[in-house]
Amino acid sequence: MPRHSGQPDDATIAANLRRAIELTELGLRLRSAVLQQNEPQGDAMVKVMHEIRCAKEQAWQKNHS
């Protein structure tokens, strides 16, 4: 069956799936970081942003190795 010009190719589909997985990982890390906040005077957003950056760096390294 021939592909129509509007259909994404396999590489595009794979890239989109990788991005979806990365976003899922980021969401889970964000949830985990927020749930672990037991410090009443700590800045939760600083920790959450740190977790997001770490997850993004790990995802980027996985995709480029």
PDB file of N, CA and C in Angstrom:
ATOM      1  N   MET A   1       0.850  -1.177   0.000  1.00  0.00           N
ATOM      2  CA  MET A   1       0.000   0.000   0.000  1.00  0.00           C
ATOM      3  C   MET A   1       0.893   1.236   0.000  1.00  0.00           C
ATOM      4  N   PRO A   2       0.760   2.106  -0.969  1.00  0.00           N
ATOM      5  CA  PRO A   2       1.615   3.299  -1.036  1.00  0.00           C
ATOM      6  C   PRO A   2       1.254   4.304   0.042  1.00  0.00           C
ATOM      7  N   ARG A   3       2.274   5.025   0.488  1.00  0.00           N
ATOM      8  CA  ARG A   3       2.049   6.065   1.501  1.00  0.00           C
ATOM      9  C   ARG A   3       1.512   7.323   0.836  1.00  0.00           C
ATOM     10  N   HIS A   4       0.610   7.955   1.531  1.00  0.00           N
ATOM     11  CA  HIS A   4       0.132   9.252   1.057  1.00  0.00           C
ATOM     12  C   HIS A   4       1.115  10.309   1.504  1.00  0.00           C
ATOM     13  N   SER A   5       1.198  11.395   0.793  1.00  0.00           N
ATOM     14  CA  SER A   5       2.174  12.441   1.116  1.00  0.00           C
ATOM     15  C   SER A   5       1.945  13.053   2.496  1.00  0.00           C
ATOM     16  N   GLY A   6       0.749  12.963   3.038  1.00  0.00           N
ATOM     17  CA  GLY A   6       0.459  13.543   4.338  1.00  0.00           C
ATOM     18  C   GLY A   6       0.777  12.633   5.513  1.00  0.00           C
ATOM     19  N   GLN A   7       1.148  11.381   5.249  1.00  0.00           N
ATOM     20  CA  GLN A   7       1.441  10.445   6.330  1.00  0.00           C
ATOM     21  C   GLN A   7       2.875  10.598   6.803  1.00  0.00           C
ATOM     22  N   PRO A   8       3.096  10.560   8.122  1.00  0.00           N
ATOM     23  CA  PRO A   8       4.476  10.652   8.637  1.00  0.00           C
ATOM     24  C   PRO A   8       5.240   9.368   8.339  1.00  0.00           C
ATOM     25  N   ASP A   9       6.540   9.494   8.171  1.00  0.00           N
ATOM     26  CA  ASP A   9       7.359   8.306   7.932  1.00  0.00           C
ATOM     27  C   ASP A   9       7.742   7.657   9.260  1.00  0.00           C
ATOM     28  N   ASP A  10       8.375   6.491   9.188  1.00  0.00           N
ATOM     29  CA  ASP A  10       8.717   5.740  10.392  1.00  0.00           C
ATOM     30  C   ASP A  10       9.650   6.521  11.316  1.00  0.00           C
ATOM     31  N   ALA A  11      10.574   7.282  10.759  1.00  0.00           N
ATOM     32  CA  ALA A  11      11.505   8.059  11.585  1.00  0.00           C
ATOM     33  C   ALA A  11      10.761   9.126  12.382  1.00  0.00           C
ATOM     34  N   THR A  12       9.795   9.761  11.774  1.00  0.00           N
ATOM     35  CA  THR A  12       9.004  10.785  12.461  1.00  0.00           C
ATOM     36  C   THR A  12       8.159  10.159  13.562  1.00  0.00           C
ATOM     37  N   ILE A  13       7.577   9.015  13.271  1.00  0.00           N
ATOM     38  CA  ILE A  13       6.772   8.321  14.277  1.00  0.00           C
ATOM     39  C   ILE A  13       7.651   7.922  15.454  1.00  0.00           C
ATOM     40  N   ALA A  14       8.835   7.383  15.179  1.00  0.00           N
ATOM     41  CA  ALA A  14       9.755   6.973  16.243  1.00  0.00           C
ATOM     42  C   ALA A  14      10.183   8.172  17.085  1.00  0.00           C
ATOM     43  N   ALA A  15      10.479   9.290  16.441  1.00  0.00           N
ATOM     44  CA  ALA A  15      10.883  10.499  17.166  1.00  0.00           C
ATOM     45  C   ALA A  15       9.745  10.991  18.053  1.00  0.00           C
ATOM     46  N   ASN A  16       8.530  10.948  17.547  1.00  0.00           N
ATOM     47  CA  ASN A  16       7.377  11.375  18.346  1.00  0.00           C
ATOM     48  C   ASN A  16       7.159  10.458  19.545  1.00  0.00           C
ATOM     49  N   LEU A  17       7.343   9.163  19.353  1.00  0.00           N
ATOM     50  CA  LEU A  17       7.215   8.227  20.472  1.00  0.00           C
ATOM     51  C   LEU A  17       8.285   8.481  21.523  1.00  0.00           C
ATOM     52  N   ARG A  18       9.511   8.756  21.092  1.00  0.00           N
ATOM     53  CA  ARG A  18      10.591   9.070  22.052  1.00  0.00           C
ATOM     54  C   ARG A  18      10.241  10.312  22.857  1.00  0.00           C
ATOM     55  N   ARG A  19       9.730  11.333  22.185  1.00  0.00           N
ATOM     56  CA  ARG A  19       9.346  12.558  22.896  1.00  0.00           C
ATOM     57  C   ARG A  19       8.213  12.286  23.880  1.00  0.00           C
ATOM     58  N   ALA A  20       7.267  11.449  23.494  1.00  0.00           N
ATOM     59  CA  ALA A  20       6.165  11.109  24.396  1.00  0.00           C
ATOM     60  C   ALA A  20       6.685  10.384  25.631  1.00  0.00           C
ATOM     61  N   ILE A  21       7.629   9.479  25.433  1.00  0.00           N
ATOM     62  CA  ILE A  21       8.211   8.755  26.563  1.00  0.00           C
ATOM     63  C   ILE A  21       8.982   9.715  27.459  1.00  0.00           C
ATOM     64  N   GLU A  22       9.735  10.628  26.858  1.00  0.00           N
ATOM     65  CA  GLU A  22      10.477  11.615  27.651  1.00  0.00           C
ATOM     66  C   GLU A  22       9.523  12.459  28.481  1.00  0.00           C
ATOM     67  N   LEU A  23       8.418  12.886  27.885  1.00  0.00           N
ATOM     68  CA  LEU A  23       7.448  13.698  28.629  1.00  0.00           C
ATOM     69  C   LEU A  23       6.821  12.899  29.764  1.00  0.00           C
ATOM     70  N   THR A  24       6.577  11.616  29.527  1.00  0.00           N
ATOM     71  CA  THR A  24       6.038  10.760  30.578  1.00  0.00           C
ATOM     72  C   THR A  24       7.032  10.655  31.728  1.00  0.00           C
ATOM     73  N   GLU A  25       8.325  10.445  31.389  1.00  0.00           N
ATOM     74  CA  GLU A  25       9.355  10.367  32.423  1.00  0.00           C
ATOM     75  C   GLU A  25       9.439  11.675  33.208  1.00  0.00           C
ATOM     76  N   LEU A  26       9.361  12.791  32.503  1.00  0.00           N
ATOM     77  CA  LEU A  26       9.399  14.089  33.178  1.00  0.00           C
ATOM     78  C   LEU A  26       8.204  14.253  34.107  1.00  0.00           C
ATOM     79  N   GLY A  27       7.043  13.856  33.641  1.00  0.00           N
ATOM     80  CA  GLY A  27       5.845  13.959  34.469  1.00  0.00           C
ATOM     81  C   GLY A  27       5.938  13.097  35.722  1.00  0.00           C
ATOM     82  N   LEU A  28       6.487  11.901  35.574  1.00  0.00           N
ATOM     83  CA  LEU A  28       6.634  11.023  36.733  1.00  0.00           C
ATOM     84  C   LEU A  28       7.658  11.570  37.713  1.00  0.00           C
ATOM     85  N   ARG A  29       8.729  12.146  37.208  1.00  0.00           N
ATOM     86  CA  ARG A  29       9.730  12.751  38.104  1.00  0.00           C
ATOM     87  C   ARG A  29       9.138  13.959  38.825  1.00  0.00           C
ATOM     88  N   LEU A  30       8.377  14.736  38.118  1.00  0.00           N
ATOM     89  CA  LEU A  30       7.731  15.896  38.725  1.00  0.00           C
ATOM     90  C   LEU A  30       6.797  15.441  39.844  1.00  0.00           C
ATOM     91  N   ARG A  31       5.995  14.430  39.569  1.00  0.00           N
ATOM     92  CA  ARG A  31       5.081  13.901  40.581  1.00  0.00           C
ATOM     93  C   ARG A  31       5.859  13.395  41.790  1.00  0.00           C
ATOM     94  N   SER A  32       6.918  12.655  41.536  1.00  0.00           N
ATOM     95  CA  SER A  32       7.728  12.111  42.627  1.00  0.00           C
ATOM     96  C   SER A  32       8.344  13.221  43.463  1.00  0.00           C
ATOM     97  N   ALA A  33       8.873  14.241  42.803  1.00  0.00           N
ATOM     98  CA  ALA A  33       9.505  15.345  43.517  1.00  0.00           C
ATOM     99  C   ALA A  33       8.500  16.085  44.391  1.00  0.00           C
ATOM    100  N   VAL A  34       7.318  16.291  43.867  1.00  0.00           N
ATOM    101  CA  VAL A  34       6.300  17.002  44.635  1.00  0.00           C
ATOM    102  C   VAL A  34       5.848  16.162  45.826  1.00  0.00           C
ATOM    103  N   LEU A  35       5.673  14.862  45.620  1.00  0.00           N
ATOM    104  CA  LEU A  35       5.227  13.991  46.710  1.00  0.00           C
ATOM    105  C   LEU A  35       6.266  13.866  47.814  1.00  0.00           C
ATOM    106  N   GLN A  36       7.533  14.035  47.477  1.00  0.00           N
ATOM    107  CA  GLN A  36       8.601  13.889  48.461  1.00  0.00           C
ATOM    108  C   GLN A  36       8.877  15.164  49.252  1.00  0.00           C
ATOM    109  N   GLN A  37       8.133  16.207  48.996  1.00  0.00           N
ATOM    110  CA  GLN A  37       8.367  17.474  49.679  1.00  0.00           C
ATOM    111  C   GLN A  37       7.883  17.389  51.119  1.00  0.00           C
ATOM    112  N   ASN A  38       8.829  17.220  52.022  1.00  0.00           N
ATOM    113  CA  ASN A  38       8.491  17.148  53.446  1.00  0.00           C
ATOM    114  C   ASN A  38       9.088  18.319  54.214  1.00  0.00           C
ATOM    115  N   GLU A  39       9.650  19.251  53.518  1.00  0.00           N
ATOM    116  CA  GLU A  39      10.287  20.396  54.167  1.00  0.00           C
ATOM    117  C   GLU A  39       9.344  21.591  54.093  1.00  0.00           C
ATOM    118  N   PRO A  40       8.758  21.978  55.215  1.00  0.00           N
ATOM    119  CA  PRO A  40       7.791  23.078  55.171  1.00  0.00           C
ATOM    120  C   PRO A  40       8.393  24.407  54.736  1.00  0.00           C
ATOM    121  N   GLN A  41       9.686  24.622  54.976  1.00  0.00           N
ATOM    122  CA  GLN A  41      10.292  25.895  54.590  1.00  0.00           C
ATOM    123  C   GLN A  41      11.114  25.782  53.309  1.00  0.00           C
ATOM    124  N   GLY A  42      11.186  24.577  52.705  1.00  0.00           N
ATOM    125  CA  GLY A  42      11.954  24.390  51.484  1.00  0.00           C
ATOM    126  C   GLY A  42      11.208  24.923  50.276  1.00  0.00           C
ATOM    127  N   ASP A  43      11.938  25.260  49.249  1.00  0.00           N
ATOM    128  CA  ASP A  43      11.317  25.759  48.029  1.00  0.00           C
ATOM    129  C   ASP A  43      11.066  24.575  47.096  1.00  0.00           C
ATOM    130  N   ALA A  44       9.836  24.108  47.063  1.00  0.00           N
ATOM    131  CA  ALA A  44       9.477  22.930  46.281  1.00  0.00           C
ATOM    132  C   ALA A  44       9.718  23.142  44.792  1.00  0.00           C
ATOM    133  N   MET A  45       9.464  24.331  44.285  1.00  0.00           N
ATOM    134  CA  MET A  45       9.636  24.576  42.852  1.00  0.00           C
ATOM    135  C   MET A  45      11.097  24.446  42.437  1.00  0.00           C
ATOM    136  N   VAL A  46      12.027  24.866  43.283  1.00  0.00           N
ATOM    137  CA  VAL A  46      13.448  24.738  42.959  1.00  0.00           C
ATOM    138  C   VAL A  46      13.793  23.264  42.797  1.00  0.00           C
ATOM    139  N   LYS A  47      13.315  22.445  43.708  1.00  0.00           N
ATOM    140  CA  LYS A  47      13.588  21.012  43.617  1.00  0.00           C
ATOM    141  C   LYS A  47      12.917  20.389  42.401  1.00  0.00           C
ATOM    142  N   VAL A  48      11.698  20.784  42.141  1.00  0.00           N
ATOM    143  CA  VAL A  48      10.977  20.241  40.989  1.00  0.00           C
ATOM    144  C   VAL A  48      11.693  20.608  39.694  1.00  0.00           C
ATOM    145  N   MET A  49      12.102  21.849  39.565  1.00  0.00           N
ATOM    146  CA  MET A  49      12.804  22.273  38.350  1.00  0.00           C
ATOM    147  C   MET A  49      14.127  21.535  38.212  1.00  0.00           C
ATOM    148  N   HIS A  50      14.801  21.287  39.311  1.00  0.00           N
ATOM    149  CA  HIS A  50      16.051  20.522  39.270  1.00  0.00           C
ATOM    150  C   HIS A  50      15.792  19.109  38.757  1.00  0.00           C
ATOM    151  N   GLU A  51      14.745  18.474  39.256  1.00  0.00           N
ATOM    152  CA  GLU A  51      14.401  17.119  38.809  1.00  0.00           C
ATOM    153  C   GLU A  51      14.066  17.107  37.320  1.00  0.00           C
ATOM    154  N   ILE A  52      13.350  18.113  36.863  1.00  0.00           N
ATOM    155  CA  ILE A  52      12.998  18.193  35.445  1.00  0.00           C
ATOM    156  C   ILE A  52      14.254  18.335  34.599  1.00  0.00           C
ATOM    157  N   ARG A  53      15.167  19.213  35.021  1.00  0.00           N
ATOM    158  CA  ARG A  53      16.421  19.384  34.260  1.00  0.00           C
ATOM    159  C   ARG A  53      17.215  18.087  34.208  1.00  0.00           C
ATOM    160  N   CYS A  54      17.304  17.391  35.336  1.00  0.00           N
ATOM    161  CA  CYS A  54      18.039  16.117  35.380  1.00  0.00           C
ATOM    162  C   CYS A  54      17.413  15.096  34.437  1.00  0.00           C
ATOM    163  N   ALA A  55      16.096  15.014  34.458  1.00  0.00           N
ATOM    164  CA  ALA A  55      15.404  14.054  33.600  1.00  0.00           C
ATOM    165  C   ALA A  55      15.602  14.398  32.123  1.00  0.00           C
ATOM    166  N   LYS A  56      15.533  15.687  31.795  1.00  0.00           N
ATOM    167  CA  LYS A  56      15.745  16.103  30.408  1.00  0.00           C
ATOM    168  C   LYS A  56      17.154  15.777  29.946  1.00  0.00           C
ATOM    169  N   GLU A  57      18.148  16.012  30.800  1.00  0.00           N
ATOM    170  CA  GLU A  57      19.526  15.709  30.440  1.00  0.00           C
ATOM    171  C   GLU A  57      19.711  14.211  30.221  1.00  0.00           C
ATOM    172  N   GLN A  58      19.125  13.396  31.093  1.00  0.00           N
ATOM    173  CA  GLN A  58      19.239  11.949  30.931  1.00  0.00           C
ATOM    174  C   GLN A  58      18.553  11.487  29.647  1.00  0.00           C
ATOM    175  N   ALA A  59      17.390  12.021  29.364  1.00  0.00           N
ATOM    176  CA  ALA A  59      16.672  11.654  28.143  1.00  0.00           C
ATOM    177  C   ALA A  59      17.471  12.071  26.909  1.00  0.00           C
ATOM    178  N   TRP A  60      18.070  13.249  26.949  1.00  0.00           N
ATOM    179  CA  TRP A  60      18.851  13.725  25.814  1.00  0.00           C
ATOM    180  C   TRP A  60      20.063  12.816  25.600  1.00  0.00           C
ATOM    181  N   GLN A  61      20.721  12.429  26.682  1.00  0.00           N
ATOM    182  CA  GLN A  61      21.891  11.556  26.563  1.00  0.00           C
ATOM    183  C   GLN A  61      21.499  10.200  26.002  1.00  0.00           C
ATOM    184  N   LYS A  62      20.356   9.647  26.413  1.00  0.00           N
ATOM    185  CA  LYS A  62      19.897   8.368  25.896  1.00  0.00           C
ATOM    186  C   LYS A  62      19.647   8.443  24.392  1.00  0.00           C
ATOM    187  N   ASN A  63      19.081   9.555  23.935  1.00  0.00           N
ATOM    188  CA  ASN A  63      18.748   9.703  22.520  1.00  0.00           C
ATOM    189  C   ASN A  63      19.965   9.945  21.641  1.00  0.00           C
ATOM    190  N   HIS A  64      21.035  10.443  22.230  1.00  0.00           N
ATOM    191  CA  HIS A  64      22.220  10.775  21.439  1.00  0.00           C
ATOM    192  C   HIS A  64      23.353   9.788  21.635  1.00  0.00           C
ATOM    193  N   SER A  65      23.078   8.655  22.257  1.00  0.00           N
ATOM    194  CA  SER A  65      24.142   7.663  22.435  1.00  0.00           C
ATOM    195  C   SER A  65      23.922   6.458  21.548  1.00  0.00           C
TER     196      SER A  65
END
